[in-house]
């Protein structure tokens, strides 16, 4: 429970910091396409940072479960695969990294499905 909330807060902090970095330090370096990629990465990092905090709260309310524990782990990993690969792609232009991004998307989908399952199964 506490780990999910802390992880979510750390990812939210990093999303704000990296978003500001992108808006200020990278504004003259990145082209419009790369800027859009960077912004998408930041958005999804923040969405799923919030998701991690929600999972932590659900663990407190519903009790810890395998589904919520795995949802937390997969969402955390999804942030690295999805947002991380997009950030590296935006900075380097290495197109092969685009093949890694969908792995993060699948991890997000599985994590959300596990959250749904945990809530449905809760008494």
N, C-alpha and C. Protein backbone atom coordinates (compact mmCIF):
# COMPACT_ATOMS: atom_id res chain seq x y z
N UNK A 1 0.83 -1.18 0.00
CA UNK A 1 0.00 0.00 0.00
C UNK A 1 0.87 1.25 0.00
N UNK A 2 1.70 1.36 1.00
CA UNK A 2 2.53 2.55 1.13
C UNK A 2 3.51 2.67 -0.04
N UNK A 3 4.04 1.52 -0.49
CA UNK A 3 5.00 1.53 -1.61
C UNK A 3 4.36 2.08 -2.88
N UNK A 4 3.11 1.69 -3.14
CA UNK A 4 2.43 2.16 -4.35
C UNK A 4 2.22 3.67 -4.30
N UNK A 5 1.83 4.17 -3.14
CA UNK A 5 1.60 5.61 -3.00
C UNK A 5 2.91 6.37 -3.14
N UNK A 6 3.97 5.88 -2.52
CA UNK A 6 5.27 6.54 -2.63
C UNK A 6 5.77 6.50 -4.07
N UNK A 7 5.64 5.34 -4.73
CA UNK A 7 6.08 5.23 -6.13
C UNK A 7 5.30 6.20 -7.00
N UNK A 8 3.99 6.28 -6.76
CA UNK A 8 3.17 7.21 -7.53
C UNK A 8 3.58 8.66 -7.31
N UNK A 9 3.85 9.00 -6.07
CA UNK A 9 4.27 10.37 -5.77
C UNK A 9 5.63 10.69 -6.39
N UNK A 10 6.54 9.73 -6.37
CA UNK A 10 7.86 9.93 -7.00
C UNK A 10 7.69 10.12 -8.51
N UNK A 11 6.86 9.28 -9.14
CA UNK A 11 6.64 9.43 -10.57
C UNK A 11 5.95 10.75 -10.90
N UNK A 12 5.02 11.19 -10.05
CA UNK A 12 4.36 12.47 -10.28
C UNK A 12 5.38 13.62 -10.16
N UNK A 13 6.23 13.55 -9.14
CA UNK A 13 7.28 14.55 -8.98
C UNK A 13 8.16 14.61 -10.22
N UNK A 14 8.59 13.43 -10.69
CA UNK A 14 9.44 13.37 -11.88
C UNK A 14 8.72 13.87 -13.12
N UNK A 15 7.42 13.60 -13.23
CA UNK A 15 6.66 14.08 -14.39
C UNK A 15 6.63 15.61 -14.42
N UNK A 16 6.43 16.22 -13.26
CA UNK A 16 6.43 17.68 -13.20
C UNK A 16 7.82 18.22 -13.53
N UNK A 17 8.85 17.62 -12.94
CA UNK A 17 10.22 18.09 -13.18
C UNK A 17 10.62 17.90 -14.64
N UNK A 18 10.33 16.73 -15.19
CA UNK A 18 10.69 16.46 -16.59
C UNK A 18 9.84 17.26 -17.56
N UNK A 19 8.60 17.52 -17.19
CA UNK A 19 7.75 18.37 -18.02
C UNK A 19 8.29 19.79 -18.08
N UNK A 20 8.71 20.31 -16.93
CA UNK A 20 9.31 21.65 -16.89
C UNK A 20 10.62 21.67 -17.67
N UNK A 21 11.42 20.61 -17.51
CA UNK A 21 12.68 20.50 -18.25
C UNK A 21 12.41 20.54 -19.75
N UNK A 22 11.40 19.78 -20.18
CA UNK A 22 11.06 19.76 -21.60
C UNK A 22 10.57 21.11 -22.10
N UNK A 23 9.79 21.78 -21.28
CA UNK A 23 9.23 23.07 -21.70
C UNK A 23 10.27 24.18 -21.74
N UNK A 24 11.29 24.08 -20.91
CA UNK A 24 12.26 25.18 -20.83
C UNK A 24 13.62 24.82 -21.42
N UNK A 25 14.20 23.73 -20.98
CA UNK A 25 15.56 23.40 -21.42
C UNK A 25 15.58 22.80 -22.82
N UNK A 26 14.51 22.14 -23.21
CA UNK A 26 14.51 21.46 -24.50
C UNK A 26 13.76 22.22 -25.59
N UNK A 27 13.16 23.36 -25.24
CA UNK A 27 12.30 24.05 -26.21
C UNK A 27 13.04 24.48 -27.48
N UNK A 28 14.31 24.78 -27.38
CA UNK A 28 15.08 25.20 -28.56
C UNK A 28 15.82 24.03 -29.22
N UNK A 29 15.79 22.87 -28.57
CA UNK A 29 16.54 21.72 -29.06
C UNK A 29 15.65 20.77 -29.86
N UNK A 30 14.43 20.51 -29.35
CA UNK A 30 13.54 19.54 -29.98
C UNK A 30 12.69 20.19 -31.06
N UNK A 31 12.45 19.43 -32.13
CA UNK A 31 11.50 19.90 -33.14
C UNK A 31 10.08 19.62 -32.64
N UNK A 32 9.09 20.06 -33.40
CA UNK A 32 7.69 19.93 -32.98
C UNK A 32 7.30 18.47 -32.76
N UNK A 33 7.75 17.58 -33.65
CA UNK A 33 7.43 16.16 -33.53
C UNK A 33 7.99 15.58 -32.23
N UNK A 34 9.25 15.87 -31.94
CA UNK A 34 9.89 15.37 -30.72
C UNK A 34 9.27 15.98 -29.48
N UNK A 35 8.87 17.24 -29.57
CA UNK A 35 8.20 17.90 -28.44
C UNK A 35 6.88 17.20 -28.14
N UNK A 36 6.13 16.85 -29.19
CA UNK A 36 4.86 16.13 -28.98
C UNK A 36 5.10 14.77 -28.33
N UNK A 37 6.15 14.09 -28.75
CA UNK A 37 6.49 12.79 -28.15
C UNK A 37 6.82 12.97 -26.67
N UNK A 38 7.63 13.99 -26.35
CA UNK A 38 8.00 14.28 -24.96
C UNK A 38 6.75 14.55 -24.12
N UNK A 39 5.86 15.37 -24.65
CA UNK A 39 4.64 15.72 -23.91
C UNK A 39 3.75 14.50 -23.68
N UNK A 40 3.67 13.62 -24.67
CA UNK A 40 2.90 12.39 -24.50
C UNK A 40 3.50 11.54 -23.38
N UNK A 41 4.82 11.43 -23.37
CA UNK A 41 5.49 10.66 -22.32
C UNK A 41 5.17 11.23 -20.94
N UNK A 42 5.23 12.54 -20.80
CA UNK A 42 4.96 13.18 -19.52
C UNK A 42 3.51 12.96 -19.10
N UNK A 43 2.58 13.10 -20.06
CA UNK A 43 1.16 12.88 -19.76
C UNK A 43 0.91 11.49 -19.22
N UNK A 44 1.43 10.49 -19.92
CA UNK A 44 1.19 9.12 -19.49
C UNK A 44 1.90 8.80 -18.18
N UNK A 45 3.05 9.41 -17.96
CA UNK A 45 3.72 9.21 -16.67
C UNK A 45 2.84 9.76 -15.55
N UNK A 46 2.28 10.95 -15.75
CA UNK A 46 1.45 11.55 -14.70
C UNK A 46 0.15 10.77 -14.51
N UNK A 47 -0.49 10.34 -15.61
CA UNK A 47 -1.72 9.55 -15.48
C UNK A 47 -1.47 8.31 -14.63
N UNK A 48 -0.37 7.64 -14.90
CA UNK A 48 -0.12 6.37 -14.23
C UNK A 48 0.54 6.56 -12.86
N UNK A 49 1.16 7.70 -12.63
CA UNK A 49 1.59 8.04 -11.27
C UNK A 49 0.35 8.18 -10.39
N UNK A 50 -0.65 8.83 -10.92
CA UNK A 50 -1.92 8.96 -10.20
C UNK A 50 -2.56 7.58 -10.01
N UNK A 51 -2.47 6.75 -11.04
CA UNK A 51 -2.98 5.38 -10.93
C UNK A 51 -2.31 4.60 -9.82
N UNK A 52 -1.00 4.76 -9.68
CA UNK A 52 -0.29 4.08 -8.60
C UNK A 52 -0.79 4.54 -7.23
N UNK A 53 -1.04 5.84 -7.10
CA UNK A 53 -1.54 6.34 -5.82
C UNK A 53 -2.96 5.82 -5.55
N UNK A 54 -3.78 5.72 -6.60
CA UNK A 54 -5.12 5.15 -6.45
C UNK A 54 -5.03 3.69 -6.00
N UNK A 55 -4.11 2.94 -6.60
CA UNK A 55 -3.91 1.54 -6.19
C UNK A 55 -3.55 1.47 -4.71
N UNK A 56 -2.66 2.35 -4.26
CA UNK A 56 -2.30 2.37 -2.84
C UNK A 56 -3.49 2.64 -1.95
N UNK A 57 -4.34 3.57 -2.36
CA UNK A 57 -5.54 3.88 -1.59
C UNK A 57 -6.50 2.68 -1.60
N UNK A 58 -6.65 2.05 -2.77
CA UNK A 58 -7.51 0.86 -2.85
C UNK A 58 -6.99 -0.25 -1.94
N UNK A 59 -5.68 -0.40 -1.84
CA UNK A 59 -5.11 -1.40 -0.94
C UNK A 59 -5.50 -1.13 0.50
N UNK A 60 -5.58 0.13 0.85
CA UNK A 60 -5.97 0.51 2.21
C UNK A 60 -7.46 0.25 2.43
N UNK A 61 -8.26 0.61 1.45
CA UNK A 61 -9.72 0.48 1.58
C UNK A 61 -10.18 -0.97 1.44
N UNK A 62 -9.69 -1.65 0.41
CA UNK A 62 -10.16 -3.01 0.11
C UNK A 62 -9.30 -4.09 0.74
N UNK A 63 -8.12 -3.72 1.18
CA UNK A 63 -7.15 -4.70 1.66
C UNK A 63 -6.22 -5.08 0.54
N UNK A 64 -5.04 -5.49 0.90
CA UNK A 64 -4.06 -5.85 -0.11
C UNK A 64 -4.49 -7.14 -0.79
N UNK A 65 -4.23 -7.22 -2.08
CA UNK A 65 -4.57 -8.41 -2.85
C UNK A 65 -3.48 -8.64 -3.89
N UNK A 66 -3.45 -9.86 -4.40
CA UNK A 66 -2.48 -10.16 -5.46
C UNK A 66 -2.72 -9.28 -6.68
N UNK A 67 -4.00 -9.06 -7.00
CA UNK A 67 -4.32 -8.25 -8.17
C UNK A 67 -3.79 -6.82 -8.03
N UNK A 68 -4.00 -6.21 -6.88
CA UNK A 68 -3.53 -4.84 -6.69
C UNK A 68 -2.02 -4.76 -6.59
N UNK A 69 -1.42 -5.77 -5.97
CA UNK A 69 0.05 -5.79 -5.89
C UNK A 69 0.64 -5.88 -7.29
N UNK A 70 0.10 -6.78 -8.12
CA UNK A 70 0.61 -6.91 -9.49
C UNK A 70 0.27 -5.71 -10.34
N UNK A 71 -0.90 -5.12 -10.11
CA UNK A 71 -1.27 -3.91 -10.85
C UNK A 71 -0.25 -2.80 -10.57
N UNK A 72 0.15 -2.67 -9.33
CA UNK A 72 1.15 -1.67 -8.95
C UNK A 72 2.48 -1.93 -9.65
N UNK A 73 2.92 -3.16 -9.60
CA UNK A 73 4.20 -3.51 -10.24
C UNK A 73 4.18 -3.27 -11.74
N UNK A 74 3.08 -3.70 -12.38
CA UNK A 74 2.99 -3.56 -13.83
C UNK A 74 2.84 -2.10 -14.26
N UNK A 75 2.12 -1.32 -13.47
CA UNK A 75 1.97 0.10 -13.80
C UNK A 75 3.31 0.81 -13.67
N UNK A 76 4.04 0.47 -12.63
CA UNK A 76 5.37 1.04 -12.42
C UNK A 76 6.28 0.70 -13.60
N UNK A 77 6.29 -0.57 -13.99
CA UNK A 77 7.10 -0.99 -15.13
C UNK A 77 6.62 -0.35 -16.43
N UNK A 78 5.30 -0.22 -16.56
CA UNK A 78 4.74 0.40 -17.75
C UNK A 78 5.21 1.83 -17.93
N UNK A 79 5.37 2.55 -16.83
CA UNK A 79 5.87 3.93 -16.90
C UNK A 79 7.26 3.93 -17.52
N UNK A 80 8.11 3.02 -17.07
CA UNK A 80 9.47 2.97 -17.61
C UNK A 80 9.47 2.59 -19.08
N UNK A 81 8.70 1.55 -19.43
CA UNK A 81 8.69 1.11 -20.82
C UNK A 81 8.04 2.14 -21.73
N UNK A 82 6.87 2.64 -21.35
CA UNK A 82 6.12 3.54 -22.21
C UNK A 82 6.72 4.95 -22.20
N UNK A 83 6.66 5.60 -21.04
CA UNK A 83 7.13 6.99 -20.97
C UNK A 83 8.64 7.06 -21.17
N UNK A 84 9.37 6.13 -20.58
CA UNK A 84 10.82 6.13 -20.71
C UNK A 84 11.28 6.00 -22.14
N UNK A 85 10.68 5.05 -22.88
CA UNK A 85 11.09 4.87 -24.28
C UNK A 85 10.73 6.08 -25.12
N UNK A 86 9.58 6.71 -24.83
CA UNK A 86 9.21 7.91 -25.58
C UNK A 86 10.16 9.07 -25.29
N UNK A 87 10.58 9.20 -24.04
CA UNK A 87 11.52 10.27 -23.70
C UNK A 87 12.85 10.07 -24.42
N UNK A 88 13.35 8.85 -24.41
CA UNK A 88 14.60 8.56 -25.10
C UNK A 88 14.43 8.78 -26.61
N UNK A 89 13.30 8.35 -27.15
CA UNK A 89 13.02 8.57 -28.57
C UNK A 89 13.00 10.06 -28.90
N UNK A 90 12.34 10.86 -28.06
CA UNK A 90 12.28 12.30 -28.31
C UNK A 90 13.67 12.94 -28.29
N UNK A 91 14.53 12.47 -27.39
CA UNK A 91 15.86 13.05 -27.26
C UNK A 91 16.84 12.57 -28.32
N UNK A 92 16.69 11.31 -28.75
CA UNK A 92 17.69 10.73 -29.64
C UNK A 92 17.21 10.54 -31.08
N UNK A 93 15.91 10.41 -31.26
CA UNK A 93 15.37 10.14 -32.59
C UNK A 93 15.58 8.70 -33.04
N UNK A 94 16.02 7.83 -32.14
CA UNK A 94 16.25 6.43 -32.49
C UNK A 94 14.89 5.74 -32.61
N UNK A 95 14.46 5.53 -33.84
CA UNK A 95 13.13 5.02 -34.12
C UNK A 95 12.85 3.63 -33.60
N UNK A 96 13.87 2.80 -33.44
CA UNK A 96 13.66 1.43 -32.97
C UNK A 96 13.06 1.43 -31.55
N UNK A 97 13.23 2.51 -30.82
CA UNK A 97 12.67 2.58 -29.47
C UNK A 97 11.15 2.61 -29.50
N UNK A 98 10.60 3.02 -30.64
CA UNK A 98 9.15 3.00 -30.78
C UNK A 98 8.58 1.60 -30.66
N UNK A 99 9.40 0.59 -30.88
CA UNK A 99 8.95 -0.80 -30.74
C UNK A 99 8.82 -1.20 -29.28
N UNK A 100 9.47 -0.50 -28.38
CA UNK A 100 9.42 -0.80 -26.95
C UNK A 100 8.18 -0.18 -26.31
N UNK A 101 7.76 0.95 -26.82
CA UNK A 101 6.64 1.69 -26.24
C UNK A 101 5.38 0.84 -26.09
N UNK A 102 4.98 0.06 -27.09
CA UNK A 102 3.76 -0.75 -26.92
C UNK A 102 3.84 -1.75 -25.77
N UNK A 103 5.02 -2.19 -25.42
CA UNK A 103 5.16 -3.09 -24.26
C UNK A 103 4.63 -2.37 -23.01
N UNK A 104 5.01 -1.11 -22.87
CA UNK A 104 4.51 -0.32 -21.75
C UNK A 104 3.00 -0.16 -21.80
N UNK A 105 2.47 0.05 -22.99
CA UNK A 105 1.02 0.16 -23.14
C UNK A 105 0.30 -1.10 -22.72
N UNK A 106 0.84 -2.25 -23.09
CA UNK A 106 0.24 -3.53 -22.70
C UNK A 106 0.33 -3.70 -21.18
N UNK A 107 1.45 -3.31 -20.59
CA UNK A 107 1.58 -3.39 -19.13
C UNK A 107 0.53 -2.51 -18.44
N UNK A 108 0.30 -1.31 -19.00
CA UNK A 108 -0.75 -0.43 -18.45
C UNK A 108 -2.12 -1.11 -18.54
N UNK A 109 -2.43 -1.69 -19.69
CA UNK A 109 -3.74 -2.33 -19.87
C UNK A 109 -3.93 -3.49 -18.89
N UNK A 110 -2.91 -4.30 -18.72
CA UNK A 110 -3.01 -5.42 -17.77
C UNK A 110 -3.19 -4.88 -16.35
N UNK A 111 -2.43 -3.84 -16.02
CA UNK A 111 -2.53 -3.26 -14.67
C UNK A 111 -3.95 -2.75 -14.41
N UNK A 112 -4.53 -2.04 -15.37
CA UNK A 112 -5.89 -1.52 -15.17
C UNK A 112 -6.90 -2.66 -15.10
N UNK A 113 -6.70 -3.71 -15.90
CA UNK A 113 -7.59 -4.87 -15.82
C UNK A 113 -7.52 -5.52 -14.44
N UNK A 114 -6.33 -5.56 -13.87
CA UNK A 114 -6.17 -6.12 -12.52
C UNK A 114 -6.84 -5.24 -11.47
N UNK A 115 -6.79 -3.92 -11.66
CA UNK A 115 -7.49 -3.02 -10.73
C UNK A 115 -8.99 -3.30 -10.81
N UNK A 116 -9.52 -3.41 -12.02
CA UNK A 116 -10.95 -3.71 -12.19
C UNK A 116 -11.29 -5.03 -11.51
N UNK A 117 -10.48 -6.05 -11.74
CA UNK A 117 -10.70 -7.37 -11.15
C UNK A 117 -10.70 -7.29 -9.62
N UNK A 118 -9.74 -6.57 -9.07
CA UNK A 118 -9.65 -6.45 -7.60
C UNK A 118 -10.88 -5.77 -7.02
N UNK A 119 -11.35 -4.74 -7.69
CA UNK A 119 -12.53 -4.01 -7.19
C UNK A 119 -13.78 -4.88 -7.30
N UNK A 120 -13.93 -5.58 -8.42
CA UNK A 120 -15.10 -6.45 -8.61
C UNK A 120 -15.11 -7.58 -7.57
N UNK A 121 -13.93 -8.13 -7.28
CA UNK A 121 -13.83 -9.25 -6.33
C UNK A 121 -13.94 -8.81 -4.87
N UNK A 122 -13.77 -7.53 -4.61
CA UNK A 122 -13.77 -7.04 -3.22
C UNK A 122 -15.15 -7.27 -2.59
N UNK A 123 -15.10 -7.56 -1.31
CA UNK A 123 -16.36 -7.82 -0.57
C UNK A 123 -16.94 -6.57 -0.04
